[in-house]
Amino acid sequence: MTNDVWSREEPQSPCVNICVVDRDSRLCIGCFRHISEIAGWGSRPAEERARILEELPARAKAFKPKRKGGRAARSNDLDKR
């Protein structure tokens, strides 16, 4: 049974629950929204949310992480010392 009271005809949040913000670009590496877009998402007009959603695939494609994480990054850092 669905609850139609909460259904909306508006763009939904693209959040994928990988909420890590890149320090330089201020983009979430999960959904590729800017921190200001995330903070104001619920209060933005539907048209603006739709425009942001259209931009996300290009942002994801252009995003380049600055460094590798995990063991490989730590061992490379140690090698440089």
PDB file of N, CA and C in Angstrom:
ATOM      1  N   MET A   1       0.842  -1.177   0.000  1.00  0.00           N
ATOM      2  CA  MET A   1       0.000   0.000   0.000  1.00  0.00           C
ATOM      3  C   MET A   1       0.890   1.244   0.000  1.00  0.00           C
ATOM      4  N   THR A   2       0.649   2.143  -0.934  1.00  0.00           N
ATOM      5  CA  THR A   2       1.434   3.373  -0.994  1.00  0.00           C
ATOM      6  C   THR A   2       0.664   4.507  -0.353  1.00  0.00           C
ATOM      7  N   ASN A   3       1.401   5.459   0.135  1.00  0.00           N
ATOM      8  CA  ASN A   3       0.791   6.611   0.765  1.00  0.00           C
ATOM      9  C   ASN A   3       0.904   7.784  -0.193  1.00  0.00           C
ATOM     10  N   ASP A   4      -0.166   8.078  -0.919  1.00  0.00           N
ATOM     11  CA  ASP A   4      -0.152   9.133  -1.924  1.00  0.00           C
ATOM     12  C   ASP A   4      -0.046  10.529  -1.326  1.00  0.00           C
ATOM     13  N   VAL A   5      -0.246  10.649  -0.041  1.00  0.00           N
ATOM     14  CA  VAL A   5      -0.145  11.954   0.600  1.00  0.00           C
ATOM     15  C   VAL A   5       1.261  12.518   0.437  1.00  0.00           C
ATOM     16  N   TRP A   6       2.282  11.657   0.469  1.00  0.00           N
ATOM     17  CA  TRP A   6       3.668  12.107   0.418  1.00  0.00           C
ATOM     18  C   TRP A   6       4.265  12.085  -0.987  1.00  0.00           C
ATOM     19  N   SER A   7       3.539  11.596  -1.976  1.00  0.00           N
ATOM     20  CA  SER A   7       4.091  11.572  -3.329  1.00  0.00           C
ATOM     21  C   SER A   7       4.097  12.988  -3.900  1.00  0.00           C
ATOM     22  N   ARG A   8       5.135  13.281  -4.677  1.00  0.00           N
ATOM     23  CA  ARG A   8       5.286  14.610  -5.251  1.00  0.00           C
ATOM     24  C   ARG A   8       5.564  14.484  -6.738  1.00  0.00           C
ATOM     25  N   GLU A   9       5.114  15.461  -7.480  1.00  0.00           N
ATOM     26  CA  GLU A   9       5.363  15.510  -8.918  1.00  0.00           C
ATOM     27  C   GLU A   9       6.583  16.385  -9.213  1.00  0.00           C
ATOM     28  N   GLU A  10       7.502  16.458  -8.277  1.00  0.00           N
ATOM     29  CA  GLU A  10       8.673  17.308  -8.407  1.00  0.00           C
ATOM     30  C   GLU A  10       9.932  16.453  -8.451  1.00  0.00           C
ATOM     31  N   PRO A  11      11.021  17.027  -8.957  1.00  0.00           N
ATOM     32  CA  PRO A  11      12.285  16.272  -8.966  1.00  0.00           C
ATOM     33  C   PRO A  11      12.702  15.872  -7.553  1.00  0.00           C
ATOM     34  N   GLN A  12      13.047  14.625  -7.392  1.00  0.00           N
ATOM     35  CA  GLN A  12      13.482  14.120  -6.094  1.00  0.00           C
ATOM     36  C   GLN A  12      14.982  14.336  -5.929  1.00  0.00           C
ATOM     37  N   SER A  13      15.444  14.199  -4.724  1.00  0.00           N
ATOM     38  CA  SER A  13      16.864  14.364  -4.424  1.00  0.00           C
ATOM     39  C   SER A  13      17.680  13.259  -5.101  1.00  0.00           C
ATOM     40  N   PRO A  14      18.826  13.611  -5.682  1.00  0.00           N
ATOM     41  CA  PRO A  14      19.692  12.607  -6.297  1.00  0.00           C
ATOM     42  C   PRO A  14      20.635  11.939  -5.292  1.00  0.00           C
ATOM     43  N   CYS A  15      20.442  12.196  -4.015  1.00  0.00           N
ATOM     44  CA  CYS A  15      21.331  11.656  -2.986  1.00  0.00           C
ATOM     45  C   CYS A  15      21.383  10.131  -3.070  1.00  0.00           C
ATOM     46  N   VAL A  16      22.614   9.589  -3.001  1.00  0.00           N
ATOM     47  CA  VAL A  16      22.815   8.138  -3.021  1.00  0.00           C
ATOM     48  C   VAL A  16      23.443   7.650  -1.720  1.00  0.00           C
ATOM     49  N   ASN A  17      23.389   8.501  -0.696  1.00  0.00           N
ATOM     50  CA  ASN A  17      23.905   8.178   0.644  1.00  0.00           C
ATOM     51  C   ASN A  17      25.406   7.903   0.669  1.00  0.00           C
ATOM     52  N   ILE A  18      26.134   8.548  -0.227  1.00  0.00           N
ATOM     53  CA  ILE A  18      27.601   8.566  -0.183  1.00  0.00           C
ATOM     54  C   ILE A  18      27.956  10.042  -0.016  1.00  0.00           C
ATOM     55  N   CYS A  19      27.828  10.519   1.195  1.00  0.00           N
ATOM     56  CA  CYS A  19      27.913  11.956   1.467  1.00  0.00           C
ATOM     57  C   CYS A  19      29.316  12.350   1.908  1.00  0.00           C
ATOM     58  N   VAL A  20      30.170  12.581   0.922  1.00  0.00           N
ATOM     59  CA  VAL A  20      31.538  13.028   1.164  1.00  0.00           C
ATOM     60  C   VAL A  20      31.771  14.223   0.245  1.00  0.00           C
ATOM     61  N   VAL A  21      32.143  15.352   0.832  1.00  0.00           N
ATOM     62  CA  VAL A  21      32.324  16.574   0.055  1.00  0.00           C
ATOM     63  C   VAL A  21      33.801  16.775  -0.265  1.00  0.00           C
ATOM     64  N   ASP A  22      34.091  16.950  -1.556  1.00  0.00           N
ATOM     65  CA  ASP A  22      35.449  17.241  -2.001  1.00  0.00           C
ATOM     66  C   ASP A  22      35.843  18.628  -1.510  1.00  0.00           C
ATOM     67  N   ARG A  23      36.993  18.708  -0.868  1.00  0.00           N
ATOM     68  CA  ARG A  23      37.435  19.956  -0.242  1.00  0.00           C
ATOM     69  C   ARG A  23      37.595  21.091  -1.255  1.00  0.00           C
ATOM     70  N   ASP A  24      38.145  20.816  -2.412  1.00  0.00           N
ATOM     71  CA  ASP A  24      38.427  21.873  -3.385  1.00  0.00           C
ATOM     72  C   ASP A  24      37.187  22.329  -4.147  1.00  0.00           C
ATOM     73  N   SER A  25      36.442  21.396  -4.686  1.00  0.00           N
ATOM     74  CA  SER A  25      35.292  21.751  -5.523  1.00  0.00           C
ATOM     75  C   SER A  25      34.018  21.987  -4.727  1.00  0.00           C
ATOM     76  N   ARG A  26      33.980  21.499  -3.489  1.00  0.00           N
ATOM     77  CA  ARG A  26      32.795  21.570  -2.624  1.00  0.00           C
ATOM     78  C   ARG A  26      31.626  20.767  -3.208  1.00  0.00           C
ATOM     79  N   LEU A  27      31.959  19.760  -4.044  1.00  0.00           N
ATOM     80  CA  LEU A  27      30.954  18.860  -4.604  1.00  0.00           C
ATOM     81  C   LEU A  27      30.905  17.583  -3.787  1.00  0.00           C
ATOM     82  N   CYS A  28      29.706  17.050  -3.602  1.00  0.00           N
ATOM     83  CA  CYS A  28      29.547  15.742  -2.981  1.00  0.00           C
ATOM     84  C   CYS A  28      29.989  14.704  -4.005  1.00  0.00           C
ATOM     85  N   ILE A  29      30.845  13.777  -3.611  1.00  0.00           N
ATOM     86  CA  ILE A  29      31.324  12.777  -4.568  1.00  0.00           C
ATOM     87  C   ILE A  29      30.308  11.662  -4.791  1.00  0.00           C
ATOM     88  N   GLY A  30      29.192  11.697  -4.078  1.00  0.00           N
ATOM     89  CA  GLY A  30      28.127  10.721  -4.287  1.00  0.00           C
ATOM     90  C   GLY A  30      27.117  11.191  -5.320  1.00  0.00           C
ATOM     91  N   CYS A  31      26.623  12.424  -5.157  1.00  0.00           N
ATOM     92  CA  CYS A  31      25.574  12.924  -6.057  1.00  0.00           C
ATOM     93  C   CYS A  31      26.039  14.072  -6.947  1.00  0.00           C
ATOM     94  N   PHE A  32      27.231  14.621  -6.684  1.00  0.00           N
ATOM     95  CA  PHE A  32      27.847  15.683  -7.471  1.00  0.00           C
ATOM     96  C   PHE A  32      27.109  17.016  -7.400  1.00  0.00           C
ATOM     97  N   ARG A  33      26.344  17.200  -6.321  1.00  0.00           N
ATOM     98  CA  ARG A  33      25.770  18.523  -6.074  1.00  0.00           C
ATOM     99  C   ARG A  33      26.752  19.338  -5.240  1.00  0.00           C
ATOM    100  N   HIS A  34      26.715  20.653  -5.430  1.00  0.00           N
ATOM    101  CA  HIS A  34      27.522  21.563  -4.614  1.00  0.00           C
ATOM    102  C   HIS A  34      26.910  21.614  -3.220  1.00  0.00           C
ATOM    103  N   ILE A  35      27.737  21.884  -2.238  1.00  0.00           N
ATOM    104  CA  ILE A  35      27.274  21.908  -0.857  1.00  0.00           C
ATOM    105  C   ILE A  35      26.107  22.887  -0.678  1.00  0.00           C
ATOM    106  N   SER A  36      26.116  24.007  -1.388  1.00  0.00           N
ATOM    107  CA  SER A  36      25.013  24.969  -1.287  1.00  0.00           C
ATOM    108  C   SER A  36      23.730  24.419  -1.914  1.00  0.00           C
ATOM    109  N   GLU A  37      23.869  23.599  -2.953  1.00  0.00           N
ATOM    110  CA  GLU A  37      22.689  22.988  -3.572  1.00  0.00           C
ATOM    111  C   GLU A  37      22.077  21.944  -2.650  1.00  0.00           C
ATOM    112  N   ILE A  38      22.929  21.207  -1.946  1.00  0.00           N
ATOM    113  CA  ILE A  38      22.443  20.198  -1.004  1.00  0.00           C
ATOM    114  C   ILE A  38      21.694  20.873   0.133  1.00  0.00           C
ATOM    115  N   ALA A  39      22.300  21.926   0.687  1.00  0.00           N
ATOM    116  CA  ALA A  39      21.717  22.603   1.843  1.00  0.00           C
ATOM    117  C   ALA A  39      20.352  23.207   1.538  1.00  0.00           C
ATOM    118  N   GLY A  40      20.163  23.716   0.342  1.00  0.00           N
ATOM    119  CA  GLY A  40      18.904  24.368   0.023  1.00  0.00           C
ATOM    120  C   GLY A  40      17.983  23.567  -0.869  1.00  0.00           C
ATOM    121  N   TRP A  41      18.253  22.280  -1.022  1.00  0.00           N
ATOM    122  CA  TRP A  41      17.510  21.464  -1.990  1.00  0.00           C
ATOM    123  C   TRP A  41      15.996  21.513  -1.779  1.00  0.00           C
ATOM    124  N   GLY A  42      15.545  21.312  -0.573  1.00  0.00           N
ATOM    125  CA  GLY A  42      14.105  21.248  -0.302  1.00  0.00           C
ATOM    126  C   GLY A  42      13.368  22.549  -0.528  1.00  0.00           C
ATOM    127  N   SER A  43      14.061  23.669  -0.450  1.00  0.00           N
ATOM    128  CA  SER A  43      13.398  24.962  -0.615  1.00  0.00           C
ATOM    129  C   SER A  43      13.550  25.531  -2.028  1.00  0.00           C
ATOM    130  N   ARG A  44      14.282  24.847  -2.884  1.00  0.00           N
ATOM    131  CA  ARG A  44      14.452  25.328  -4.262  1.00  0.00           C
ATOM    132  C   ARG A  44      13.202  25.012  -5.080  1.00  0.00           C
ATOM    133  N   PRO A  45      12.876  25.885  -6.035  1.00  0.00           N
ATOM    134  CA  PRO A  45      11.746  25.596  -6.928  1.00  0.00           C
ATOM    135  C   PRO A  45      12.017  24.335  -7.759  1.00  0.00           C
ATOM    136  N   ALA A  46      10.968  23.663  -8.164  1.00  0.00           N
ATOM    137  CA  ALA A  46      11.092  22.423  -8.937  1.00  0.00           C
ATOM    138  C   ALA A  46      11.897  22.635 -10.218  1.00  0.00           C
ATOM    139  N   GLU A  47      11.726  23.779 -10.872  1.00  0.00           N
ATOM    140  CA  GLU A  47      12.446  24.053 -12.118  1.00  0.00           C
ATOM    141  C   GLU A  47      13.953  24.131 -11.875  1.00  0.00           C
ATOM    142  N   GLU A  48      14.337  24.735 -10.762  1.00  0.00           N
ATOM    143  CA  GLU A  48      15.762  24.844 -10.448  1.00  0.00           C
ATOM    144  C   GLU A  48      16.346  23.477 -10.102  1.00  0.00           C
ATOM    145  N   ARG A  49      15.586  22.670  -9.367  1.00  0.00           N
ATOM    146  CA  ARG A  49      16.059  21.317  -9.055  1.00  0.00           C
ATOM    147  C   ARG A  49      16.217  20.497 -10.327  1.00  0.00           C
ATOM    148  N   ALA A  50      15.280  20.643 -11.249  1.00  0.00           N
ATOM    149  CA  ALA A  50      15.370  19.910 -12.521  1.00  0.00           C
ATOM    150  C   ALA A  50      16.610  20.340 -13.302  1.00  0.00           C
ATOM    151  N   ARG A  51      16.917  21.640 -13.296  1.00  0.00           N
ATOM    152  CA  ARG A  51      18.107  22.144 -13.994  1.00  0.00           C
ATOM    153  C   ARG A  51      19.376  21.564 -13.376  1.00  0.00           C
ATOM    154  N   ILE A  52      19.426  21.531 -12.051  1.00  0.00           N
ATOM    155  CA  ILE A  52      20.590  20.966 -11.360  1.00  0.00           C
ATOM    156  C   ILE A  52      20.736  19.486 -11.708  1.00  0.00           C
ATOM    157  N   LEU A  53      19.629  18.755 -11.695  1.00  0.00           N
ATOM    158  CA  LEU A  53      19.670  17.327 -12.026  1.00  0.00           C
ATOM    159  C   LEU A  53      20.221  17.090 -13.428  1.00  0.00           C
ATOM    160  N   GLU A  54      19.881  17.967 -14.363  1.00  0.00           N
ATOM    161  CA  GLU A  54      20.383  17.832 -15.731  1.00  0.00           C
ATOM    162  C   GLU A  54      21.894  18.034 -15.807  1.00  0.00           C
ATOM    163  N   GLU A  55      22.454  18.848 -14.909  1.00  0.00           N
ATOM    164  CA  GLU A  55      23.889  19.136 -14.910  1.00  0.00           C
ATOM    165  C   GLU A  55      24.728  18.024 -14.273  1.00  0.00           C
ATOM    166  N   LEU A  56      24.122  17.189 -13.453  1.00  0.00           N
ATOM    167  CA  LEU A  56      24.882  16.222 -12.661  1.00  0.00           C
ATOM    168  C   LEU A  56      25.690  15.216 -13.484  1.00  0.00           C
ATOM    169  N   PRO A  57      25.168  14.653 -14.579  1.00  0.00           N
ATOM    170  CA  PRO A  57      25.999  13.707 -15.348  1.00  0.00           C
ATOM    171  C   PRO A  57      27.293  14.338 -15.869  1.00  0.00           C
ATOM    172  N   ALA A  58      27.228  15.592 -16.321  1.00  0.00           N
ATOM    173  CA  ALA A  58      28.436  16.270 -16.808  1.00  0.00           C
ATOM    174  C   ALA A  58      29.406  16.528 -15.662  1.00  0.00           C
ATOM    175  N   ARG A  59      28.887  16.895 -14.504  1.00  0.00           N
ATOM    176  CA  ARG A  59      29.747  17.107 -13.337  1.00  0.00           C
ATOM    177  C   ARG A  59      30.443  15.807 -12.945  1.00  0.00           C
ATOM    178  N   ALA A  60      29.693  14.721 -12.964  1.00  0.00           N
ATOM    179  CA  ALA A  60      30.268  13.423 -12.586  1.00  0.00           C
ATOM    180  C   ALA A  60      31.381  13.030 -13.555  1.00  0.00           C
ATOM    181  N   LYS A  61      31.151  13.274 -14.824  1.00  0.00           N
ATOM    182  CA  LYS A  61      32.146  12.920 -15.839  1.00  0.00           C
ATOM    183  C   LYS A  61      33.404  13.784 -15.704  1.00  0.00           C
ATOM    184  N   ALA A  62      33.234  15.049 -15.351  1.00  0.00           N
ATOM    185  CA  ALA A  62      34.361  15.978 -15.244  1.00  0.00           C
ATOM    186  C   ALA A  62      35.104  15.865 -13.918  1.00  0.00           C
ATOM    187  N   PHE A  63      34.486  15.244 -12.932  1.00  0.00           N
ATOM    188  CA  PHE A  63      35.097  15.188 -11.601  1.00  0.00           C
ATOM    189  C   PHE A  63      36.330  14.301 -11.612  1.00  0.00           C
ATOM    190  N   LYS A  64      37.417  14.831 -11.110  1.00  0.00           N
ATOM    191  CA  LYS A  64      38.669  14.082 -11.010  1.00  0.00           C
ATOM    192  C   LYS A  64      39.122  14.121  -9.558  1.00  0.00           C
ATOM    193  N   PRO A  65      39.122  12.991  -8.886  1.00  0.00           N
ATOM    194  CA  PRO A  65      39.617  12.989  -7.510  1.00  0.00           C
ATOM    195  C   PRO A  65      41.075  13.436  -7.478  1.00  0.00           C
ATOM    196  N   LYS A  66      41.434  14.157  -6.445  1.00  0.00           N
ATOM    197  CA  LYS A  66      42.787  14.710  -6.345  1.00  0.00           C
ATOM    198  C   LYS A  66      43.821  13.674  -5.933  1.00  0.00           C
ATOM    199  N   ARG A  67      43.389  12.640  -5.231  1.00  0.00           N
ATOM    200  CA  ARG A  67      44.340  11.615  -4.805  1.00  0.00           C
ATOM    201  C   ARG A  67      43.612  10.295  -4.649  1.00  0.00           C
ATOM    202  N   LYS A  68      44.374   9.236  -4.652  1.00  0.00           N
ATOM    203  CA  LYS A  68      43.805   7.916  -4.415  1.00  0.00           C
ATOM    204  C   LYS A  68      43.725   7.687  -2.923  1.00  0.00           C
ATOM    205  N   GLY A  69      42.751   6.951  -2.521  1.00  0.00           N
ATOM    206  CA  GLY A  69      42.614   6.645  -1.103  1.00  0.00           C
ATOM    207  C   GLY A  69      43.115   5.249  -0.798  1.00  0.00           C
ATOM    208  N   GLY A  70      43.035   4.891   0.450  1.00  0.00           N
ATOM    209  CA  GLY A  70      43.367   3.540   0.858  1.00  0.00           C
ATOM    210  C   GLY A  70      44.848   3.302   1.030  1.00  0.00           C
ATOM    211  N   ARG A  71      45.201   2.050   1.043  1.00  0.00           N
ATOM    212  CA  ARG A  71      46.575   1.625   1.309  1.00  0.00           C
ATOM    213  C   ARG A  71      47.558   2.155   0.261  1.00  0.00           C
ATOM    214  N   ALA A  72      47.162   2.153  -1.003  1.00  0.00           N
ATOM    215  CA  ALA A  72      48.065   2.612  -2.065  1.00  0.00           C
ATOM    216  C   ALA A  72      48.474   4.064  -1.848  1.00  0.00           C
ATOM    217  N   ALA A  73      47.545   4.901  -1.461  1.00  0.00           N
ATOM    218  CA  ALA A  73      47.866   6.311  -1.226  1.00  0.00           C
ATOM    219  C   ALA A  73      48.802   6.468  -0.045  1.00  0.00           C
ATOM    220  N   ARG A  74      48.555   5.732   1.012  1.00  0.00           N
ATOM    221  CA  ARG A  74      49.417   5.842   2.192  1.00  0.00           C
ATOM    222  C   ARG A  74      50.831   5.361   1.888  1.00  0.00           C
ATOM    223  N   SER A  75      50.966   4.273   1.156  1.00  0.00           N
ATOM    224  CA  SER A  75      52.308   3.772   0.855  1.00  0.00           C
ATOM    225  C   SER A  75      53.037   4.724  -0.085  1.00  0.00           C
ATOM    226  N   ASN A  76      52.327   5.345  -1.021  1.00  0.00           N
ATOM    227  CA  ASN A  76      52.956   6.331  -1.903  1.00  0.00           C
ATOM    228  C   ASN A  76      53.403   7.550  -1.116  1.00  0.00           C
ATOM    229  N   ASP A  77      52.611   7.977  -0.143  1.00  0.00           N
ATOM    230  CA  ASP A  77      52.988   9.112   0.697  1.00  0.00           C
ATOM    231  C   ASP A  77      54.243   8.793   1.497  1.00  0.00           C
ATOM    232  N   LEU A  78      54.345   7.587   1.996  1.00  0.00           N
ATOM    233  CA  LEU A  78      55.515   7.198   2.780  1.00  0.00           C
ATOM    234  C   LEU A  78      56.763   7.129   1.913  1.00  0.00           C
ATOM    235  N   ASP A  79      56.594   6.698   0.655  1.00  0.00           N
ATOM    236  CA  ASP A  79      57.736   6.605  -0.256  1.00  0.00           C
ATOM    237  C   ASP A  79      58.325   7.979  -0.574  1.00  0.00           C
ATOM    238  N   LYS A  80      57.500   9.015  -0.519  1.00  0.00           N
ATOM    239  CA  LYS A  80      57.948  10.364  -0.862  1.00  0.00           C
ATOM    240  C   LYS A  80      58.694  11.042   0.276  1.00  0.00           C
ATOM    241  N   ARG A  81      58.663  10.477   1.458  1.00  0.00           N
ATOM    242  CA  ARG A  81      59.317  11.111   2.613  1.00  0.00           C
ATOM    243  C   ARG A  81      60.778  10.827   2.647  1.00  0.00           C
TER     244      ARG A  81
END
